[in-house]
Amino acid sequence: ALKELDSRHGEIKSMRTSASHLRKGVAKQVLQHIIEEAAKRGYERLSLETGSMASFEPARKLYESFGFQYCEPFADYVEDPNSVFMTKKL
């Protein structure tokens, strides 16, 4: 899902791939679609929160491959040992 934080900043919310579709490129296609939609909406930045645990490493690697970089908490988020925050300029 794509949430508007303000007219120039969007947030990726709750992106998850079904176990039966892992490693088939589905997450890559969904993420590409979300980024394209964010650009159509005129957002200049797209951010997300994801888990810091090892099980979230594939997701973090995917986001990194699309140019997302680690950042400070944004919007109403606060530092949390179970979370990491990432952002990308569009």
PDB file of N, CA and C in Angstrom:
ATOM      1  N   ALA A   1       0.847  -1.185   0.000  1.00  0.00           N
ATOM      2  CA  ALA A   1       0.000   0.000   0.000  1.00  0.00           C
ATOM      3  C   ALA A   1       0.884   1.236   0.000  1.00  0.00           C
ATOM      4  N   LEU A   2       0.342   2.315  -0.499  1.00  0.00           N
ATOM      5  CA  LEU A   2       1.053   3.582  -0.585  1.00  0.00           C
ATOM      6  C   LEU A   2       0.257   4.627   0.183  1.00  0.00           C
ATOM      7  N   LYS A   3       0.868   5.188   1.207  1.00  0.00           N
ATOM      8  CA  LYS A   3       0.216   6.181   2.062  1.00  0.00           C
ATOM      9  C   LYS A   3       0.829   7.554   1.803  1.00  0.00           C
ATOM     10  N   GLU A   4      -0.025   8.564   1.677  1.00  0.00           N
ATOM     11  CA  GLU A   4       0.472   9.929   1.515  1.00  0.00           C
ATOM     12  C   GLU A   4       0.788  10.520   2.877  1.00  0.00           C
ATOM     13  N   LEU A   5       2.034  10.954   3.073  1.00  0.00           N
ATOM     14  CA  LEU A   5       2.428  11.638   4.304  1.00  0.00           C
ATOM     15  C   LEU A   5       2.233  13.139   4.146  1.00  0.00           C
ATOM     16  N   ASP A   6       2.569  13.652   2.972  1.00  0.00           N
ATOM     17  CA  ASP A   6       2.232  15.014   2.569  1.00  0.00           C
ATOM     18  C   ASP A   6       2.293  15.034   1.047  1.00  0.00           C
ATOM     19  N   SER A   7       2.077  16.171   0.437  1.00  0.00           N
ATOM     20  CA  SER A   7       1.966  16.223  -1.024  1.00  0.00           C
ATOM     21  C   SER A   7       3.244  15.825  -1.761  1.00  0.00           C
ATOM     22  N   ARG A   8       4.367  15.757  -1.053  1.00  0.00           N
ATOM     23  CA  ARG A   8       5.645  15.405  -1.689  1.00  0.00           C
ATOM     24  C   ARG A   8       6.291  14.149  -1.123  1.00  0.00           C
ATOM     25  N   HIS A   9       5.649  13.517  -0.142  1.00  0.00           N
ATOM     26  CA  HIS A   9       6.280  12.397   0.569  1.00  0.00           C
ATOM     27  C   HIS A   9       5.272  11.271   0.774  1.00  0.00           C
ATOM     28  N   GLY A  10       5.622  10.081   0.287  1.00  0.00           N
ATOM     29  CA  GLY A  10       4.781   8.907   0.453  1.00  0.00           C
ATOM     30  C   GLY A  10       5.477   7.850   1.292  1.00  0.00           C
ATOM     31  N   GLU A  11       4.677   6.926   1.823  1.00  0.00           N
ATOM     32  CA  GLU A  11       5.205   5.825   2.629  1.00  0.00           C
ATOM     33  C   GLU A  11       4.695   4.499   2.091  1.00  0.00           C
ATOM     34  N   ILE A  12       5.598   3.545   1.928  1.00  0.00           N
ATOM     35  CA  ILE A  12       5.210   2.181   1.579  1.00  0.00           C
ATOM     36  C   ILE A  12       4.751   1.508   2.863  1.00  0.00           C
ATOM     37  N   LYS A  13       3.542   0.958   2.846  1.00  0.00           N
ATOM     38  CA  LYS A  13       2.968   0.305   4.011  1.00  0.00           C
ATOM     39  C   LYS A  13       2.709  -1.169   3.696  1.00  0.00           C
ATOM     40  N   SER A  14       3.098  -2.035   4.592  1.00  0.00           N
ATOM     41  CA  SER A  14       2.681  -3.435   4.593  1.00  0.00           C
ATOM     42  C   SER A  14       2.852  -4.163   3.263  1.00  0.00           C
ATOM     43  N   MET A  15       4.071  -4.230   2.786  1.00  0.00           N
ATOM     44  CA  MET A  15       4.353  -4.987   1.571  1.00  0.00           C
ATOM     45  C   MET A  15       4.857  -6.367   1.972  1.00  0.00           C
ATOM     46  N   ARG A  16       4.171  -7.407   1.511  1.00  0.00           N
ATOM     47  CA  ARG A  16       4.558  -8.769   1.874  1.00  0.00           C
ATOM     48  C   ARG A  16       4.233  -9.711   0.720  1.00  0.00           C
ATOM     49  N   THR A  17       5.099 -10.692   0.501  1.00  0.00           N
ATOM     50  CA  THR A  17       4.902 -11.670  -0.562  1.00  0.00           C
ATOM     51  C   THR A  17       4.495 -13.004   0.043  1.00  0.00           C
ATOM     52  N   SER A  18       3.486 -13.621  -0.533  1.00  0.00           N
ATOM     53  CA  SER A  18       3.043 -14.941  -0.099  1.00  0.00           C
ATOM     54  C   SER A  18       4.193 -15.939  -0.237  1.00  0.00           C
ATOM     55  N   ALA A  19       4.277 -16.864   0.700  1.00  0.00           N
ATOM     56  CA  ALA A  19       5.366 -17.849   0.695  1.00  0.00           C
ATOM     57  C   ALA A  19       5.439 -18.622  -0.624  1.00  0.00           C
ATOM     58  N   SER A  20       4.300 -18.879  -1.242  1.00  0.00           N
ATOM     59  CA  SER A  20       4.297 -19.638  -2.496  1.00  0.00           C
ATOM     60  C   SER A  20       4.836 -18.836  -3.680  1.00  0.00           C
ATOM     61  N   HIS A  21       5.035 -17.533  -3.491  1.00  0.00           N
ATOM     62  CA  HIS A  21       5.536 -16.687  -4.580  1.00  0.00           C
ATOM     63  C   HIS A  21       6.914 -16.096  -4.298  1.00  0.00           C
ATOM     64  N   LEU A  22       7.561 -16.555  -3.236  1.00  0.00           N
ATOM     65  CA  LEU A  22       8.890 -16.046  -2.908  1.00  0.00           C
ATOM     66  C   LEU A  22       9.893 -16.410  -3.994  1.00  0.00           C
ATOM     67  N   ARG A  23      10.844 -15.511  -4.234  1.00  0.00           N
ATOM     68  CA  ARG A  23      11.936 -15.695  -5.180  1.00  0.00           C
ATOM     69  C   ARG A  23      11.477 -15.923  -6.622  1.00  0.00           C
ATOM     70  N   LYS A  24      10.349 -15.293  -6.961  1.00  0.00           N
ATOM     71  CA  LYS A  24       9.839 -15.359  -8.332  1.00  0.00           C
ATOM     72  C   LYS A  24       9.757 -13.977  -8.967  1.00  0.00           C
ATOM     73  N   GLY A  25      10.267 -12.960  -8.262  1.00  0.00           N
ATOM     74  CA  GLY A  25      10.241 -11.611  -8.807  1.00  0.00           C
ATOM     75  C   GLY A  25       8.968 -10.834  -8.523  1.00  0.00           C
ATOM     76  N   VAL A  26       8.056 -11.427  -7.755  1.00  0.00           N
ATOM     77  CA  VAL A  26       6.783 -10.762  -7.463  1.00  0.00           C
ATOM     78  C   VAL A  26       7.006  -9.490  -6.646  1.00  0.00           C
ATOM     79  N   ALA A  27       7.792  -9.571  -5.591  1.00  0.00           N
ATOM     80  CA  ALA A  27       8.036  -8.395  -4.742  1.00  0.00           C
ATOM     81  C   ALA A  27       8.696  -7.282  -5.549  1.00  0.00           C
ATOM     82  N   LYS A  28       9.595  -7.644  -6.434  1.00  0.00           N
ATOM     83  CA  LYS A  28      10.267  -6.655  -7.283  1.00  0.00           C
ATOM     84  C   LYS A  28       9.253  -5.928  -8.163  1.00  0.00           C
ATOM     85  N   GLN A  29       8.317  -6.674  -8.745  1.00  0.00           N
ATOM     86  CA  GLN A  29       7.293  -6.074  -9.596  1.00  0.00           C
ATOM     87  C   GLN A  29       6.363  -5.172  -8.791  1.00  0.00           C
ATOM     88  N   VAL A  30       5.967  -5.620  -7.611  1.00  0.00           N
ATOM     89  CA  VAL A  30       5.082  -4.813  -6.762  1.00  0.00           C
ATOM     90  C   VAL A  30       5.787  -3.528  -6.347  1.00  0.00           C
ATOM     91  N   LEU A  31       7.046  -3.644  -5.917  1.00  0.00           N
ATOM     92  CA  LEU A  31       7.791  -2.462  -5.497  1.00  0.00           C
ATOM     93  C   LEU A  31       7.960  -1.490  -6.661  1.00  0.00           C
ATOM     94  N   GLN A  32       8.265  -1.987  -7.847  1.00  0.00           N
ATOM     95  CA  GLN A  32       8.390  -1.120  -9.023  1.00  0.00           C
ATOM     96  C   GLN A  32       7.081  -0.385  -9.277  1.00  0.00           C
ATOM     97  N   HIS A  33       5.961  -1.085  -9.160  1.00  0.00           N
ATOM     98  CA  HIS A  33       4.649  -0.468  -9.367  1.00  0.00           C
ATOM     99  C   HIS A  33       4.390   0.633  -8.335  1.00  0.00           C
ATOM    100  N   ILE A  34       4.714   0.373  -7.078  1.00  0.00           N
ATOM    101  CA  ILE A  34       4.509   1.374  -6.024  1.00  0.00           C
ATOM    102  C   ILE A  34       5.362   2.612  -6.291  1.00  0.00           C
ATOM    103  N   ILE A  35       6.612   2.415  -6.679  1.00  0.00           N
ATOM    104  CA  ILE A  35       7.497   3.548  -6.975  1.00  0.00           C
ATOM    105  C   ILE A  35       6.942   4.363  -8.145  1.00  0.00           C
ATOM    106  N   GLU A  36       6.470   3.686  -9.179  1.00  0.00           N
ATOM    107  CA  GLU A  36       5.897   4.383 -10.330  1.00  0.00           C
ATOM    108  C   GLU A  36       4.651   5.163  -9.931  1.00  0.00           C
ATOM    109  N   GLU A  37       3.798   4.571  -9.106  1.00  0.00           N
ATOM    110  CA  GLU A  37       2.591   5.255  -8.639  1.00  0.00           C
ATOM    111  C   GLU A  37       2.950   6.469  -7.790  1.00  0.00           C
ATOM    112  N   ALA A  38       3.957   6.341  -6.944  1.00  0.00           N
ATOM    113  CA  ALA A  38       4.400   7.472  -6.122  1.00  0.00           C
ATOM    114  C   ALA A  38       4.873   8.622  -7.014  1.00  0.00           C
ATOM    115  N   ALA A  39       5.603   8.303  -8.062  1.00  0.00           N
ATOM    116  CA  ALA A  39       6.069   9.337  -8.992  1.00  0.00           C
ATOM    117  C   ALA A  39       4.890   9.995  -9.705  1.00  0.00           C
ATOM    118  N   LYS A  40       3.893   9.197 -10.122  1.00  0.00           N
ATOM    119  CA  LYS A  40       2.696   9.752 -10.767  1.00  0.00           C
ATOM    120  C   LYS A  40       1.967  10.718  -9.842  1.00  0.00           C
ATOM    121  N   ARG A  41       1.980  10.415  -8.558  1.00  0.00           N
ATOM    122  CA  ARG A  41       1.312  11.285  -7.585  1.00  0.00           C
ATOM    123  C   ARG A  41       2.111  12.554  -7.297  1.00  0.00           C
ATOM    124  N   GLY A  42       3.310  12.626  -7.824  1.00  0.00           N
ATOM    125  CA  GLY A  42       4.127  13.813  -7.630  1.00  0.00           C
ATOM    126  C   GLY A  42       4.980  13.797  -6.379  1.00  0.00           C
ATOM    127  N   TYR A  43       5.102  12.643  -5.740  1.00  0.00           N
ATOM    128  CA  TYR A  43       5.947  12.566  -4.547  1.00  0.00           C
ATOM    129  C   TYR A  43       7.408  12.741  -4.946  1.00  0.00           C
ATOM    130  N   GLU A  44       8.145  13.410  -4.115  1.00  0.00           N
ATOM    131  CA  GLU A  44       9.574  13.596  -4.331  1.00  0.00           C
ATOM    132  C   GLU A  44      10.391  12.628  -3.494  1.00  0.00           C
ATOM    133  N   ARG A  45       9.729  12.005  -2.514  1.00  0.00           N
ATOM    134  CA  ARG A  45      10.422  11.080  -1.622  1.00  0.00           C
ATOM    135  C   ARG A  45       9.463   9.966  -1.238  1.00  0.00           C
ATOM    136  N   LEU A  46      10.022   8.764  -1.090  1.00  0.00           N
ATOM    137  CA  LEU A  46       9.269   7.590  -0.689  1.00  0.00           C
ATOM    138  C   LEU A  46      10.026   6.934   0.452  1.00  0.00           C
ATOM    139  N   SER A  47       9.346   6.669   1.565  1.00  0.00           N
ATOM    140  CA  SER A  47       9.998   6.108   2.751  1.00  0.00           C
ATOM    141  C   SER A  47       9.270   4.854   3.205  1.00  0.00           C
ATOM    142  N   LEU A  48       9.932   4.095   4.070  1.00  0.00           N
ATOM    143  CA  LEU A  48       9.326   2.881   4.604  1.00  0.00           C
ATOM    144  C   LEU A  48       9.952   2.522   5.940  1.00  0.00           C
ATOM    145  N   GLU A  49       9.231   1.715   6.683  1.00  0.00           N
ATOM    146  CA  GLU A  49       9.719   1.113   7.932  1.00  0.00           C
ATOM    147  C   GLU A  49       9.656  -0.384   7.718  1.00  0.00           C
ATOM    148  N   THR A  50      10.706  -1.093   8.118  1.00  0.00           N
ATOM    149  CA  THR A  50      10.716  -2.546   8.030  1.00  0.00           C
ATOM    150  C   THR A  50      11.452  -3.109   9.233  1.00  0.00           C
ATOM    151  N   GLY A  51      11.427  -4.412   9.364  1.00  0.00           N
ATOM    152  CA  GLY A  51      12.043  -5.053  10.518  1.00  0.00           C
ATOM    153  C   GLY A  51      13.561  -5.057  10.468  1.00  0.00           C
ATOM    154  N   SER A  52      14.155  -5.040  11.649  1.00  0.00           N
ATOM    155  CA  SER A  52      15.621  -5.070  11.758  1.00  0.00           C
ATOM    156  C   SER A  52      16.153  -6.491  11.925  1.00  0.00           C
ATOM    157  N   MET A  53      15.265  -7.456  12.137  1.00  0.00           N
ATOM    158  CA  MET A  53      15.681  -8.832  12.384  1.00  0.00           C
ATOM    159  C   MET A  53      16.189  -9.506  11.102  1.00  0.00           C
ATOM    160  N   ALA A  54      16.921 -10.586  11.273  1.00  0.00           N
ATOM    161  CA  ALA A  54      17.515 -11.305  10.141  1.00  0.00           C
ATOM    162  C   ALA A  54      16.466 -11.754   9.128  1.00  0.00           C
ATOM    163  N   SER A  55      15.286 -12.092   9.580  1.00  0.00           N
ATOM    164  CA  SER A  55      14.246 -12.564   8.660  1.00  0.00           C
ATOM    165  C   SER A  55      13.799 -11.487   7.670  1.00  0.00           C
ATOM    166  N   PHE A  56      14.093 -10.226   7.968  1.00  0.00           N
ATOM    167  CA  PHE A  56      13.737  -9.124   7.078  1.00  0.00           C
ATOM    168  C   PHE A  56      14.879  -8.741   6.137  1.00  0.00           C
ATOM    169  N   GLU A  57      16.006  -9.446   6.219  1.00  0.00           N
ATOM    170  CA  GLU A  57      17.147  -9.102   5.374  1.00  0.00           C
ATOM    171  C   GLU A  57      16.820  -9.150   3.884  1.00  0.00           C
ATOM    172  N   PRO A  58      16.087 -10.161   3.392  1.00  0.00           N
ATOM    173  CA  PRO A  58      15.758 -10.143   1.963  1.00  0.00           C
ATOM    174  C   PRO A  58      14.974  -8.889   1.552  1.00  0.00           C
ATOM    175  N   ALA A  59      14.067  -8.446   2.395  1.00  0.00           N
ATOM    176  CA  ALA A  59      13.304  -7.229   2.090  1.00  0.00           C
ATOM    177  C   ALA A  59      14.225  -6.018   2.060  1.00  0.00           C
ATOM    178  N   ARG A  60      15.103  -5.916   3.039  1.00  0.00           N
ATOM    179  CA  ARG A  60      16.031  -4.776   3.076  1.00  0.00           C
ATOM    180  C   ARG A  60      16.932  -4.765   1.843  1.00  0.00           C
ATOM    181  N   LYS A  61      17.398  -5.936   1.434  1.00  0.00           N
ATOM    182  CA  LYS A  61      18.247  -6.034   0.237  1.00  0.00           C
ATOM    183  C   LYS A  61      17.472  -5.607  -1.013  1.00  0.00           C
ATOM    184  N   LEU A  62      16.205  -5.988  -1.082  1.00  0.00           N
ATOM    185  CA  LEU A  62      15.372  -5.575  -2.211  1.00  0.00           C
ATOM    186  C   LEU A  62      15.253  -4.058  -2.248  1.00  0.00           C
ATOM    187  N   TYR A  63      14.927  -3.455  -1.117  1.00  0.00           N
ATOM    188  CA  TYR A  63      14.800  -1.993  -1.064  1.00  0.00           C
ATOM    189  C   TYR A  63      16.123  -1.316  -1.442  1.00  0.00           C
ATOM    190  N   GLU A  64      17.229  -1.841  -0.939  1.00  0.00           N
ATOM    191  CA  GLU A  64      18.543  -1.279  -1.285  1.00  0.00           C
ATOM    192  C   GLU A  64      18.787  -1.364  -2.790  1.00  0.00           C
ATOM    193  N   SER A  65      18.389  -2.471  -3.402  1.00  0.00           N
ATOM    194  CA  SER A  65      18.612  -2.645  -4.841  1.00  0.00           C
ATOM    195  C   SER A  65      17.823  -1.636  -5.669  1.00  0.00           C
ATOM    196  N   PHE A  66      16.776  -1.060  -5.087  1.00  0.00           N
ATOM    197  CA  PHE A  66      15.977  -0.032  -5.750  1.00  0.00           C
ATOM    198  C   PHE A  66      16.417   1.372  -5.361  1.00  0.00           C
ATOM    199  N   GLY A  67      17.515   1.482  -4.629  1.00  0.00           N
ATOM    200  CA  GLY A  67      18.059   2.790  -4.297  1.00  0.00           C
ATOM    201  C   GLY A  67      17.617   3.372  -2.971  1.00  0.00           C
ATOM    202  N   PHE A  68      16.903   2.604  -2.159  1.00  0.00           N
ATOM    203  CA  PHE A  68      16.535   3.089  -0.831  1.00  0.00           C
ATOM    204  C   PHE A  68      17.771   3.104   0.053  1.00  0.00           C
ATOM    205  N   GLN A  69      17.854   4.121   0.905  1.00  0.00           N
ATOM    206  CA  GLN A  69      18.965   4.260   1.840  1.00  0.00           C
ATOM    207  C   GLN A  69      18.416   4.340   3.256  1.00  0.00           C
ATOM    208  N   TYR A  70      19.213   3.891   4.204  1.00  0.00           N
ATOM    209  CA  TYR A  70      18.800   3.949   5.609  1.00  0.00           C
ATOM    210  C   TYR A  70      18.704   5.403   6.049  1.00  0.00           C
ATOM    211  N   CYS A  71      17.732   5.674   6.908  1.00  0.00           N
ATOM    212  CA  CYS A  71      17.488   7.042   7.358  1.00  0.00           C
ATOM    213  C   CYS A  71      16.976   7.034   8.799  1.00  0.00           C
ATOM    214  N   GLU A  72      16.776   8.208   9.318  1.00  0.00           N
ATOM    215  CA  GLU A  72      16.197   8.378  10.652  1.00  0.00           C
ATOM    216  C   GLU A  72      14.695   8.092  10.582  1.00  0.00           C
ATOM    217  N   PRO A  73      14.058   7.840  11.729  1.00  0.00           N
ATOM    218  CA  PRO A  73      12.601   7.681  11.721  1.00  0.00           C
ATOM    219  C   PRO A  73      11.930   8.910  11.097  1.00  0.00           C
ATOM    220  N   PHE A  74      10.841   8.687  10.411  1.00  0.00           N
ATOM    221  CA  PHE A  74      10.111   9.760   9.742  1.00  0.00           C
ATOM    222  C   PHE A  74       8.658   9.742  10.224  1.00  0.00           C
ATOM    223  N   ALA A  75       7.924  10.759   9.844  1.00  0.00           N
ATOM    224  CA  ALA A  75       6.508  10.889  10.232  1.00  0.00           C
ATOM    225  C   ALA A  75       6.380  10.725  11.749  1.00  0.00           C
ATOM    226  N   ASP A  76       5.520   9.818  12.193  1.00  0.00           N
ATOM    227  CA  ASP A  76       5.292   9.632  13.631  1.00  0.00           C
ATOM    228  C   ASP A  76       6.127   8.505  14.233  1.00  0.00           C
ATOM    229  N   TYR A  77       7.037   7.933  13.456  1.00  0.00           N
ATOM    230  CA  TYR A  77       7.867   6.845  13.966  1.00  0.00           C
ATOM    231  C   TYR A  77       8.913   7.363  14.949  1.00  0.00           C
ATOM    232  N   VAL A  78       9.327   6.477  15.849  1.00  0.00           N
ATOM    233  CA  VAL A  78      10.416   6.768  16.783  1.00  0.00           C
ATOM    234  C   VAL A  78      11.412   5.617  16.698  1.00  0.00           C
ATOM    235  N   GLU A  79      12.625   5.850  17.181  1.00  0.00           N
ATOM    236  CA  GLU A  79      13.641   4.789  17.199  1.00  0.00           C
ATOM    237  C   GLU A  79      13.081   3.559  17.904  1.00  0.00           C
ATOM    238  N   ASP A  80      13.348   2.402  17.317  1.00  0.00           N
ATOM    239  CA  ASP A  80      12.863   1.133  17.859  1.00  0.00           C
ATOM    240  C   ASP A  80      13.882   0.072  17.461  1.00  0.00           C
ATOM    241  N   PRO A  81      14.362  -0.747  18.390  1.00  0.00           N
ATOM    242  CA  PRO A  81      15.377  -1.746  18.031  1.00  0.00           C
ATOM    243  C   PRO A  81      14.877  -2.795  17.035  1.00  0.00           C
ATOM    244  N   ASN A  82      13.568  -2.920  16.880  1.00  0.00           N
ATOM    245  CA  ASN A  82      13.009  -3.898  15.954  1.00  0.00           C
ATOM    246  C   ASN A  82      12.712  -3.321  14.573  1.00  0.00           C
ATOM    247  N   SER A  83      13.004  -2.042  14.382  1.00  0.00           N
ATOM    248  CA  SER A  83      12.681  -1.377  13.120  1.00  0.00           C
ATOM    249  C   SER A  83      13.895  -0.699  12.512  1.00  0.00           C
ATOM    250  N   VAL A  84      13.885  -0.625  11.189  1.00  0.00           N
ATOM    251  CA  VAL A  84      14.818   0.217  10.453  1.00  0.00           C
ATOM    252  C   VAL A  84      13.977   1.057   9.497  1.00  0.00           C
ATOM    253  N   PHE A  85      14.524   2.187   9.101  1.00  0.00           N
ATOM    254  CA  PHE A  85      13.811   3.130   8.253  1.00  0.00           C
ATOM    255  C   PHE A  85      14.644   3.388   7.014  1.00  0.00           C
ATOM    256  N   MET A  86      13.955   3.485   5.888  1.00  0.00           N
ATOM    257  CA  MET A  86      14.647   3.684   4.619  1.00  0.00           C
ATOM    258  C   MET A  86      13.894   4.728   3.808  1.00  0.00           C
ATOM    259  N   THR A  87      14.618   5.420   2.934  1.00  0.00           N
ATOM    260  CA  THR A  87      13.995   6.441   2.100  1.00  0.00           C
ATOM    261  C   THR A  87      14.676   6.490   0.744  1.00  0.00           C
ATOM    262  N   LYS A  88      13.951   7.023  -0.226  1.00  0.00           N
ATOM    263  CA  LYS A  88      14.464   7.139  -1.599  1.00  0.00           C
ATOM    264  C   LYS A  88      13.932   8.433  -2.193  1.00  0.00           C
ATOM    265  N   LYS A  89      14.815   9.207  -2.809  1.00  0.00           N
ATOM    266  CA  LYS A  89      14.378  10.385  -3.562  1.00  0.00           C
ATOM    267  C   LYS A  89      13.897   9.916  -4.923  1.00  0.00           C
ATOM    268  N   LEU A  90      12.782  10.454  -5.360  1.00  0.00           N
ATOM    269  CA  LEU A  90      12.214  10.061  -6.659  1.00  0.00           C
ATOM    270  C   LEU A  90      12.573  11.072  -7.738  1.00  0.00           C
TER     271      LEU A  90
END
